[in-house]
């Protein structure tokens, strides 16, 4: 899969970049916060947007760390929804 400019921008940042996994079919990123409450607030924000988009991330949370993987299961790859959600998550992350 060739990278679109928007996917390339997500994965090329020196810090806090998204990682391409599974032959470029998934985006993954780990977020770390000061405490559980900040991590949970971040997840709540993302959950509300994901529900609006009807596009839900794979994620896990342990204390102050949130691991997120984005992919579109119906196409078995990355779609515009994944990119839009990743871009939204990046904006929410800077607020927490």
PDB file of N, CA and C in Angstrom:
ATOM      1  N   UNK A   1       0.848  -1.188   0.000  1.00  0.00           N
ATOM      2  CA  UNK A   1       0.000   0.000   0.000  1.00  0.00           C
ATOM      3  C   UNK A   1       0.887   1.243   0.000  1.00  0.00           C
ATOM      4  N   UNK A   2       0.655   2.129  -0.920  1.00  0.00           N
ATOM      5  CA  UNK A   2       1.399   3.380  -0.901  1.00  0.00           C
ATOM      6  C   UNK A   2       0.714   4.323   0.090  1.00  0.00           C
ATOM      7  N   UNK A   3       1.507   5.108   0.769  1.00  0.00           N
ATOM      8  CA  UNK A   3       0.969   5.987   1.795  1.00  0.00           C
ATOM      9  C   UNK A   3       0.408   7.250   1.187  1.00  0.00           C
ATOM     10  N   UNK A   4      -0.798   7.590   1.605  1.00  0.00           N
ATOM     11  CA  UNK A   4      -1.362   8.867   1.203  1.00  0.00           C
ATOM     12  C   UNK A   4      -0.622   9.953   1.980  1.00  0.00           C
ATOM     13  N   UNK A   5      -0.665  11.194   1.514  1.00  0.00           N
ATOM     14  CA  UNK A   5       0.016  12.269   2.257  1.00  0.00           C
ATOM     15  C   UNK A   5      -0.467  12.386   3.701  1.00  0.00           C
ATOM     16  N   UNK A   6      -1.745  12.152   3.944  1.00  0.00           N
ATOM     17  CA  UNK A   6      -2.266  12.277   5.309  1.00  0.00           C
ATOM     18  C   UNK A   6      -1.768  11.152   6.204  1.00  0.00           C
ATOM     19  N   UNK A   7      -1.681   9.931   5.673  1.00  0.00           N
ATOM     20  CA  UNK A   7      -1.126   8.827   6.470  1.00  0.00           C
ATOM     21  C   UNK A   7       0.355   9.072   6.702  1.00  0.00           C
ATOM     22  N   UNK A   8       1.063   9.503   5.686  1.00  0.00           N
ATOM     23  CA  UNK A   8       2.485   9.801   5.833  1.00  0.00           C
ATOM     24  C   UNK A   8       2.705  10.857   6.915  1.00  0.00           C
ATOM     25  N   UNK A   9       1.844  11.861   6.979  1.00  0.00           N
ATOM     26  CA  UNK A   9       1.968  12.901   8.001  1.00  0.00           C
ATOM     27  C   UNK A   9       1.747  12.326   9.399  1.00  0.00           C
ATOM     28  N   UNK A  10       0.840  11.377   9.521  1.00  0.00           N
ATOM     29  CA  UNK A  10       0.584  10.767  10.826  1.00  0.00           C
ATOM     30  C   UNK A  10       1.760   9.932  11.319  1.00  0.00           C
ATOM     31  N   UNK A  11       2.462   9.282  10.404  1.00  0.00           N
ATOM     32  CA  UNK A  11       3.531   8.364  10.819  1.00  0.00           C
ATOM     33  C   UNK A  11       4.928   8.968  10.775  1.00  0.00           C
ATOM     34  N   UNK A  12       5.077  10.176  10.254  1.00  0.00           N
ATOM     35  CA  UNK A  12       6.419  10.716  10.053  1.00  0.00           C
ATOM     36  C   UNK A  12       6.871  11.724  11.109  1.00  0.00           C
ATOM     37  N   UNK A  13       6.014  12.071  12.035  1.00  0.00           N
ATOM     38  CA  UNK A  13       6.411  13.042  13.053  1.00  0.00           C
ATOM     39  C   UNK A  13       7.511  12.476  13.948  1.00  0.00           C
ATOM     40  N   UNK A  14       8.466  13.280  14.338  1.00  0.00           N
ATOM     41  CA  UNK A  14       9.566  12.765  15.157  1.00  0.00           C
ATOM     42  C   UNK A  14       9.107  12.253  16.520  1.00  0.00           C
ATOM     43  N   UNK A  15       8.121  12.895  17.114  1.00  0.00           N
ATOM     44  CA  UNK A  15       7.573  12.454  18.393  1.00  0.00           C
ATOM     45  C   UNK A  15       6.094  12.190  18.231  1.00  0.00           C
ATOM     46  N   UNK A  16       5.606  11.231  18.980  1.00  0.00           N
ATOM     47  CA  UNK A  16       4.171  10.927  19.031  1.00  0.00           C
ATOM     48  C   UNK A  16       3.587  10.500  17.691  1.00  0.00           C
ATOM     49  N   UNK A  17       4.376   9.847  16.881  1.00  0.00           N
ATOM     50  CA  UNK A  17       3.889   9.396  15.584  1.00  0.00           C
ATOM     51  C   UNK A  17       3.046   8.141  15.731  1.00  0.00           C
ATOM     52  N   UNK A  18       2.144   7.991  14.807  1.00  0.00           N
ATOM     53  CA  UNK A  18       1.406   6.743  14.684  1.00  0.00           C
ATOM     54  C   UNK A  18       2.327   5.733  13.997  1.00  0.00           C
ATOM     55  N   UNK A  19       2.194   4.472  14.340  1.00  0.00           N
ATOM     56  CA  UNK A  19       2.981   3.405  13.731  1.00  0.00           C
ATOM     57  C   UNK A  19       2.110   2.629  12.764  1.00  0.00           C
ATOM     58  N   UNK A  20       2.669   2.286  11.618  1.00  0.00           N
ATOM     59  CA  UNK A  20       1.964   1.422  10.676  1.00  0.00           C
ATOM     60  C   UNK A  20       2.253  -0.027  11.043  1.00  0.00           C
ATOM     61  N   UNK A  21       1.209  -0.831  11.147  1.00  0.00           N
ATOM     62  CA  UNK A  21       1.332  -2.240  11.498  1.00  0.00           C
ATOM     63  C   UNK A  21       0.682  -3.112  10.432  1.00  0.00           C
ATOM     64  N   UNK A  22       0.986  -4.393  10.484  1.00  0.00           N
ATOM     65  CA  UNK A  22       0.318  -5.411   9.660  1.00  0.00           C
ATOM     66  C   UNK A  22       0.281  -5.009   8.189  1.00  0.00           C
ATOM     67  N   UNK A  23       1.477  -4.816   7.632  1.00  0.00           N
ATOM     68  CA  UNK A  23       1.590  -4.467   6.210  1.00  0.00           C
ATOM     69  C   UNK A  23       0.755  -3.235   5.850  1.00  0.00           C
ATOM     70  N   UNK A  24       0.834  -2.243   6.693  1.00  0.00           N
ATOM     71  CA  UNK A  24       0.175  -0.942   6.474  1.00  0.00           C
ATOM     72  C   UNK A  24      -1.347  -1.010   6.496  1.00  0.00           C
ATOM     73  N   UNK A  25      -1.909  -1.971   7.238  1.00  0.00           N
ATOM     74  CA  UNK A  25      -3.363  -2.056   7.337  1.00  0.00           C
ATOM     75  C   UNK A  25      -3.892  -1.523   8.658  1.00  0.00           C
ATOM     76  N   UNK A  26      -2.975  -1.124   9.560  1.00  0.00           N
ATOM     77  CA  UNK A  26      -3.387  -0.620  10.869  1.00  0.00           C
ATOM     78  C   UNK A  26      -2.488   0.540  11.292  1.00  0.00           C
ATOM     79  N   UNK A  27      -3.095   1.474  12.009  1.00  0.00           N
ATOM     80  CA  UNK A  27      -2.356   2.546  12.656  1.00  0.00           C
ATOM     81  C   UNK A  27      -2.387   2.291  14.156  1.00  0.00           C
ATOM     82  N   UNK A  28      -1.238   2.443  14.816  1.00  0.00           N
ATOM     83  CA  UNK A  28      -1.168   2.201  16.257  1.00  0.00           C
ATOM     84  C   UNK A  28      -0.403   3.332  16.918  1.00  0.00           C
ATOM     85  N   UNK A  29      -0.867   3.702  18.107  1.00  0.00           N
ATOM     86  CA  UNK A  29      -0.169   4.728  18.874  1.00  0.00           C
ATOM     87  C   UNK A  29      -0.435   4.507  20.356  1.00  0.00           C
ATOM     88  N   UNK A  30       0.554   4.805  21.169  1.00  0.00           N
ATOM     89  CA  UNK A  30       0.432   4.732  22.622  1.00  0.00           C
ATOM     90  C   UNK A  30       0.456   6.143  23.189  1.00  0.00           C
ATOM     91  N   UNK A  31      -0.468   6.415  24.077  1.00  0.00           N
ATOM     92  CA  UNK A  31      -0.577   7.719  24.731  1.00  0.00           C
ATOM     93  C   UNK A  31      -0.330   7.530  26.220  1.00  0.00           C
ATOM     94  N   UNK A  32       0.399   8.457  26.825  1.00  0.00           N
ATOM     95  CA  UNK A  32       0.641   8.389  28.258  1.00  0.00           C
ATOM     96  C   UNK A  32       0.230   9.706  28.896  1.00  0.00           C
ATOM     97  N   UNK A  33      -0.473   9.597  30.016  1.00  0.00           N
ATOM     98  CA  UNK A  33      -1.012  10.766  30.707  1.00  0.00           C
ATOM     99  C   UNK A  33      -0.476  10.819  32.128  1.00  0.00           C
ATOM    100  N   UNK A  34      -0.786  11.896  32.853  1.00  0.00           N
ATOM    101  CA  UNK A  34      -0.297  12.042  34.220  1.00  0.00           C
ATOM    102  C   UNK A  34      -0.893  10.996  35.158  1.00  0.00           C
ATOM    103  N   UNK A  35      -2.170  10.646  34.922  1.00  0.00           N
ATOM    104  CA  UNK A  35      -2.841   9.725  35.834  1.00  0.00           C
ATOM    105  C   UNK A  35      -4.019   9.052  35.119  1.00  0.00           C
ATOM    106  N   UNK A  36      -4.693   8.194  35.850  1.00  0.00           N
ATOM    107  CA  UNK A  36      -5.820   7.454  35.290  1.00  0.00           C
ATOM    108  C   UNK A  36      -6.966   8.368  34.873  1.00  0.00           C
ATOM    109  N   UNK A  37      -7.240   9.386  35.668  1.00  0.00           N
ATOM    110  CA  UNK A  37      -8.359  10.291  35.362  1.00  0.00           C
ATOM    111  C   UNK A  37      -8.139  10.993  34.024  1.00  0.00           C
ATOM    112  N   UNK A  38      -6.927  11.470  33.765  1.00  0.00           N
ATOM    113  CA  UNK A  38      -6.646  12.108  32.476  1.00  0.00           C
ATOM    114  C   UNK A  38      -6.768  11.112  31.327  1.00  0.00           C
ATOM    115  N   UNK A  39      -6.271   9.904  31.531  1.00  0.00           N
ATOM    116  CA  UNK A  39      -6.384   8.870  30.492  1.00  0.00           C
ATOM    117  C   UNK A  39      -7.847   8.555  30.218  1.00  0.00           C
ATOM    118  N   UNK A  40      -8.642   8.443  31.273  1.00  0.00           N
ATOM    119  CA  UNK A  40     -10.056   8.122  31.106  1.00  0.00           C
ATOM    120  C   UNK A  40     -10.808   9.270  30.445  1.00  0.00           C
ATOM    121  N   UNK A  41     -10.470  10.505  30.795  1.00  0.00           N
ATOM    122  CA  UNK A  41     -11.100  11.656  30.135  1.00  0.00           C
ATOM    123  C   UNK A  41     -10.803  11.680  28.645  1.00  0.00           C
ATOM    124  N   UNK A  42      -9.560  11.392  28.286  1.00  0.00           N
ATOM    125  CA  UNK A  42      -9.158  11.289  26.885  1.00  0.00           C
ATOM    126  C   UNK A  42      -9.967  10.204  26.175  1.00  0.00           C
ATOM    127  N   UNK A  43     -10.071   9.044  26.804  1.00  0.00           N
ATOM    128  CA  UNK A  43     -10.827   7.938  26.195  1.00  0.00           C
ATOM    129  C   UNK A  43     -12.298   8.305  26.028  1.00  0.00           C
ATOM    130  N   UNK A  44     -12.852   9.019  26.980  1.00  0.00           N
ATOM    131  CA  UNK A  44     -14.255   9.434  26.883  1.00  0.00           C
ATOM    132  C   UNK A  44     -14.458  10.353  25.692  1.00  0.00           C
ATOM    133  N   UNK A  45     -13.558  11.310  25.519  1.00  0.00           N
ATOM    134  CA  UNK A  45     -13.628  12.225  24.373  1.00  0.00           C
ATOM    135  C   UNK A  45     -13.573  11.450  23.055  1.00  0.00           C
ATOM    136  N   UNK A  46     -12.617  10.536  22.963  1.00  0.00           N
ATOM    137  CA  UNK A  46     -12.456   9.735  21.745  1.00  0.00           C
ATOM    138  C   UNK A  46     -13.685   8.850  21.532  1.00  0.00           C
ATOM    139  N   UNK A  47     -14.205   8.270  22.608  1.00  0.00           N
ATOM    140  CA  UNK A  47     -15.377   7.386  22.493  1.00  0.00           C
ATOM    141  C   UNK A  47     -16.590   8.125  21.934  1.00  0.00           C
ATOM    142  N   UNK A  48     -16.794   9.359  22.380  1.00  0.00           N
ATOM    143  CA  UNK A  48     -17.942  10.130  21.878  1.00  0.00           C
ATOM    144  C   UNK A  48     -17.811  10.405  20.380  1.00  0.00           C
ATOM    145  N   UNK A  49     -16.610  10.774  19.925  1.00  0.00           N
ATOM    146  CA  UNK A  49     -16.399  11.019  18.495  1.00  0.00           C
ATOM    147  C   UNK A  49     -16.511   9.721  17.703  1.00  0.00           C
ATOM    148  N   UNK A  50     -15.934   8.646  18.219  1.00  0.00           N
ATOM    149  CA  UNK A  50     -15.994   7.359  17.531  1.00  0.00           C
ATOM    150  C   UNK A  50     -17.451   6.921  17.347  1.00  0.00           C
ATOM    151  N   UNK A  51     -18.276   7.147  18.352  1.00  0.00           N
ATOM    152  CA  UNK A  51     -19.690   6.787  18.254  1.00  0.00           C
ATOM    153  C   UNK A  51     -20.386   7.630  17.195  1.00  0.00           C
ATOM    154  N   UNK A  52     -20.077   8.930  17.153  1.00  0.00           N
ATOM    155  CA  UNK A  52     -20.657   9.804  16.123  1.00  0.00           C
ATOM    156  C   UNK A  52     -20.274   9.335  14.730  1.00  0.00           C
ATOM    157  N   UNK A  53     -19.031   8.871  14.590  1.00  0.00           N
ATOM    158  CA  UNK A  53     -18.520   8.429  13.288  1.00  0.00           C
ATOM    159  C   UNK A  53     -18.933   6.994  12.955  1.00  0.00           C
ATOM    160  N   UNK A  54     -19.456   6.279  13.959  1.00  0.00           N
ATOM    161  CA  UNK A  54     -19.726   4.854  13.826  1.00  0.00           C
ATOM    162  C   UNK A  54     -18.455   4.112  13.379  1.00  0.00           C
ATOM    163  N   UNK A  55     -17.348   4.479  14.038  1.00  0.00           N
ATOM    164  CA  UNK A  55     -16.050   3.874  13.729  1.00  0.00           C
ATOM    165  C   UNK A  55     -15.268   3.773  15.031  1.00  0.00           C
ATOM    166  N   UNK A  56     -15.132   2.569  15.539  1.00  0.00           N
ATOM    167  CA  UNK A  56     -14.639   2.374  16.897  1.00  0.00           C
ATOM    168  C   UNK A  56     -13.229   1.801  16.915  1.00  0.00           C
ATOM    169  N   UNK A  57     -12.379   2.366  17.755  1.00  0.00           N
ATOM    170  CA  UNK A  57     -10.991   1.903  17.815  1.00  0.00           C
ATOM    171  C   UNK A  57     -10.859   0.601  18.604  1.00  0.00           C
ATOM    172  N   UNK A  58      -9.761  -0.096  18.351  1.00  0.00           N
ATOM    173  CA  UNK A  58      -9.330  -1.165  19.237  1.00  0.00           C
ATOM    174  C   UNK A  58      -8.444  -0.458  20.247  1.00  0.00           C
ATOM    175  N   UNK A  59      -8.694  -0.650  21.532  1.00  0.00           N
ATOM    176  CA  UNK A  59      -7.854   0.025  22.505  1.00  0.00           C
ATOM    177  C   UNK A  59      -7.809  -0.698  23.830  1.00  0.00           C
ATOM    178  N   UNK A  60      -6.785  -0.336  24.599  1.00  0.00           N
ATOM    179  CA  UNK A  60      -6.669  -0.856  25.958  1.00  0.00           C
ATOM    180  C   UNK A  60      -6.128   0.261  26.836  1.00  0.00           C
ATOM    181  N   UNK A  61      -6.430   0.152  28.125  1.00  0.00           N
ATOM    182  CA  UNK A  61      -6.016   1.169  29.084  1.00  0.00           C
ATOM    183  C   UNK A  61      -5.495   0.474  30.336  1.00  0.00           C
ATOM    184  N   UNK A  62      -4.291   0.860  30.747  1.00  0.00           N
ATOM    185  CA  UNK A  62      -3.732   0.440  32.025  1.00  0.00           C
ATOM    186  C   UNK A  62      -3.232   1.698  32.717  1.00  0.00           C
ATOM    187  N   UNK A  63      -3.878   2.039  33.827  1.00  0.00           N
ATOM    188  CA  UNK A  63      -3.584   3.221  34.624  1.00  0.00           C
ATOM    189  C   UNK A  63      -3.524   4.474  33.754  1.00  0.00           C
ATOM    190  N   UNK A  64      -2.335   4.975  33.445  1.00  0.00           N
ATOM    191  CA  UNK A  64      -2.223   6.243  32.715  1.00  0.00           C
ATOM    192  C   UNK A  64      -1.845   6.047  31.246  1.00  0.00           C
ATOM    193  N   UNK A  65      -1.873   4.819  30.760  1.00  0.00           N
ATOM    194  CA  UNK A  65      -1.458   4.522  29.387  1.00  0.00           C
ATOM    195  C   UNK A  65      -2.649   4.011  28.575  1.00  0.00           C
ATOM    196  N   UNK A  66      -2.789   4.538  27.359  1.00  0.00           N
ATOM    197  CA  UNK A  66      -3.847   4.115  26.442  1.00  0.00           C
ATOM    198  C   UNK A  66      -3.193   3.705  25.124  1.00  0.00           C
ATOM    199  N   UNK A  67      -3.415   2.461  24.718  1.00  0.00           N
ATOM    200  CA  UNK A  67      -2.945   1.964  23.423  1.00  0.00           C
ATOM    201  C   UNK A  67      -4.134   1.927  22.470  1.00  0.00           C
ATOM    202  N   UNK A  68      -3.959   2.527  21.291  1.00  0.00           N
ATOM    203  CA  UNK A  68      -5.035   2.591  20.301  1.00  0.00           C
ATOM    204  C   UNK A  68      -4.540   2.016  18.979  1.00  0.00           C
ATOM    205  N   UNK A  69      -5.372   1.168  18.392  1.00  0.00           N
ATOM    206  CA  UNK A  69      -5.132   0.654  17.041  1.00  0.00           C
ATOM    207  C   UNK A  69      -6.350   0.978  16.198  1.00  0.00           C
ATOM    208  N   UNK A  70      -6.107   1.547  15.017  1.00  0.00           N
ATOM    209  CA  UNK A  70      -7.181   1.904  14.088  1.00  0.00           C
ATOM    210  C   UNK A  70      -7.049   1.078  12.813  1.00  0.00           C
ATOM    211  N   UNK A  71      -8.152   0.525  12.375  1.00  0.00           N
ATOM    212  CA  UNK A  71      -8.247  -0.186  11.103  1.00  0.00           C
ATOM    213  C   UNK A  71      -9.722  -0.297  10.756  1.00  0.00           C
ATOM    214  N   UNK A  72     -10.020  -0.549   9.512  1.00  0.00           N
ATOM    215  CA  UNK A  72     -11.398  -0.772   9.102  1.00  0.00           C
ATOM    216  C   UNK A  72     -11.540  -2.253   8.776  1.00  0.00           C
ATOM    217  N   UNK A  73     -12.261  -2.964   9.623  1.00  0.00           N
ATOM    218  CA  UNK A  73     -12.347  -4.417   9.499  1.00  0.00           C
ATOM    219  C   UNK A  73     -13.048  -4.863   8.214  1.00  0.00           C
ATOM    220  N   UNK A  74     -14.030  -4.095   7.772  1.00  0.00           N
ATOM    221  CA  UNK A  74     -14.767  -4.510   6.565  1.00  0.00           C
ATOM    222  C   UNK A  74     -13.905  -4.470   5.310  1.00  0.00           C
ATOM    223  N   UNK A  75     -12.908  -3.581   5.294  1.00  0.00           N
ATOM    224  CA  UNK A  75     -12.027  -3.501   4.122  1.00  0.00           C
ATOM    225  C   UNK A  75     -10.666  -4.135   4.389  1.00  0.00           C
ATOM    226  N   UNK A  76     -10.449  -4.535   5.652  1.00  0.00           N
ATOM    227  CA  UNK A  76      -9.172  -5.126   6.065  1.00  0.00           C
ATOM    228  C   UNK A  76      -7.995  -4.194   5.765  1.00  0.00           C
ATOM    229  N   UNK A  77      -8.215  -2.917   6.031  1.00  0.00           N
ATOM    230  CA  UNK A  77      -7.164  -1.935   5.787  1.00  0.00           C
ATOM    231  C   UNK A  77      -7.551  -0.577   6.320  1.00  0.00           C
ATOM    232  N   UNK A  78      -6.762   0.411   5.987  1.00  0.00           N
ATOM    233  CA  UNK A  78      -7.012   1.780   6.417  1.00  0.00           C
ATOM    234  C   UNK A  78      -7.944   2.485   5.450  1.00  0.00           C
ATOM    235  N   UNK A  79      -8.861   3.246   6.016  1.00  0.00           N
ATOM    236  CA  UNK A  79      -9.791   4.024   5.207  1.00  0.00           C
ATOM    237  C   UNK A  79      -9.792   5.475   5.699  1.00  0.00           C
ATOM    238  N   UNK A  80     -10.561   6.293   5.039  1.00  0.00           N
ATOM    239  CA  UNK A  80     -10.706   7.698   5.409  1.00  0.00           C
ATOM    240  C   UNK A  80     -11.174   7.827   6.862  1.00  0.00           C
ATOM    241  N   UNK A  81     -12.024   6.914   7.321  1.00  0.00           N
ATOM    242  CA  UNK A  81     -12.492   6.971   8.709  1.00  0.00           C
ATOM    243  C   UNK A  81     -11.338   6.830   9.697  1.00  0.00           C
ATOM    244  N   UNK A  82     -10.398   5.938   9.402  1.00  0.00           N
ATOM    245  CA  UNK A  82      -9.251   5.753  10.289  1.00  0.00           C
ATOM    246  C   UNK A  82      -8.405   7.020  10.346  1.00  0.00           C
ATOM    247  N   UNK A  83      -8.187   7.616   9.196  1.00  0.00           N
ATOM    248  CA  UNK A  83      -7.375   8.827   9.125  1.00  0.00           C
ATOM    249  C   UNK A  83      -8.062   9.965   9.882  1.00  0.00           C
ATOM    250  N   UNK A  84      -9.355  10.151   9.656  1.00  0.00           N
ATOM    251  CA  UNK A  84     -10.088  11.216  10.345  1.00  0.00           C
ATOM    252  C   UNK A  84     -10.085  11.004  11.848  1.00  0.00           C
ATOM    253  N   UNK A  85     -10.267   9.759  12.284  1.00  0.00           N
ATOM    254  CA  UNK A  85     -10.273   9.500  13.722  1.00  0.00           C
ATOM    255  C   UNK A  85      -8.878   9.717  14.314  1.00  0.00           C
ATOM    256  N   UNK A  86      -7.839   9.297  13.616  1.00  0.00           N
ATOM    257  CA  UNK A  86      -6.466   9.529  14.095  1.00  0.00           C
ATOM    258  C   UNK A  86      -6.182  11.030  14.209  1.00  0.00           C
ATOM    259  N   UNK A  87      -6.594  11.793  13.227  1.00  0.00           N
ATOM    260  CA  UNK A  87      -6.381  13.239  13.269  1.00  0.00           C
ATOM    261  C   UNK A  87      -7.143  13.864  14.437  1.00  0.00           C
ATOM    262  N   UNK A  88      -8.369  13.408  14.665  1.00  0.00           N
ATOM    263  CA  UNK A  88      -9.141  13.900  15.809  1.00  0.00           C
ATOM    264  C   UNK A  88      -8.447  13.538  17.118  1.00  0.00           C
ATOM    265  N   UNK A  89      -8.009  12.291  17.232  1.00  0.00           N
ATOM    266  CA  UNK A  89      -7.339  11.828  18.450  1.00  0.00           C
ATOM    267  C   UNK A  89      -6.104  12.684  18.725  1.00  0.00           C
ATOM    268  N   UNK A  90      -5.369  13.026  17.698  1.00  0.00           N
ATOM    269  CA  UNK A  90      -4.187  13.876  17.882  1.00  0.00           C
ATOM    270  C   UNK A  90      -4.564  15.245  18.447  1.00  0.00           C
ATOM    271  N   UNK A  91      -5.691  15.799  18.018  1.00  0.00           N
ATOM    272  CA  UNK A  91      -6.099  17.112  18.538  1.00  0.00           C
ATOM    273  C   UNK A  91      -6.586  16.993  19.974  1.00  0.00           C
ATOM    274  N   UNK A  92      -7.273  15.902  20.306  1.00  0.00           N
ATOM    275  CA  UNK A  92      -7.758  15.700  21.669  1.00  0.00           C
ATOM    276  C   UNK A  92      -6.591  15.456  22.614  1.00  0.00           C
ATOM    277  N   UNK A  93      -5.601  14.729  22.146  1.00  0.00           N
ATOM    278  CA  UNK A  93      -4.445  14.396  22.971  1.00  0.00           C
ATOM    279  C   UNK A  93      -3.729  15.636  23.453  1.00  0.00           C
ATOM    280  N   UNK A  94      -3.640  16.653  22.631  1.00  0.00           N
ATOM    281  CA  UNK A  94      -2.919  17.858  23.011  1.00  0.00           C
ATOM    282  C   UNK A  94      -3.670  18.648  24.090  1.00  0.00           C
ATOM    283  N   UNK A  95      -4.948  18.347  24.276  1.00  0.00           N
ATOM    284  CA  UNK A  95      -5.756  19.046  25.286  1.00  0.00           C
ATOM    285  C   UNK A  95      -5.694  18.361  26.635  1.00  0.00           C
ATOM    286  N   UNK A  96      -5.177  17.138  26.689  1.00  0.00           N
ATOM    287  CA  UNK A  96      -5.125  16.391  27.959  1.00  0.00           C
ATOM    288  C   UNK A  96      -3.712  16.270  28.471  1.00  0.00           C
TER     289      UNK A  96
END
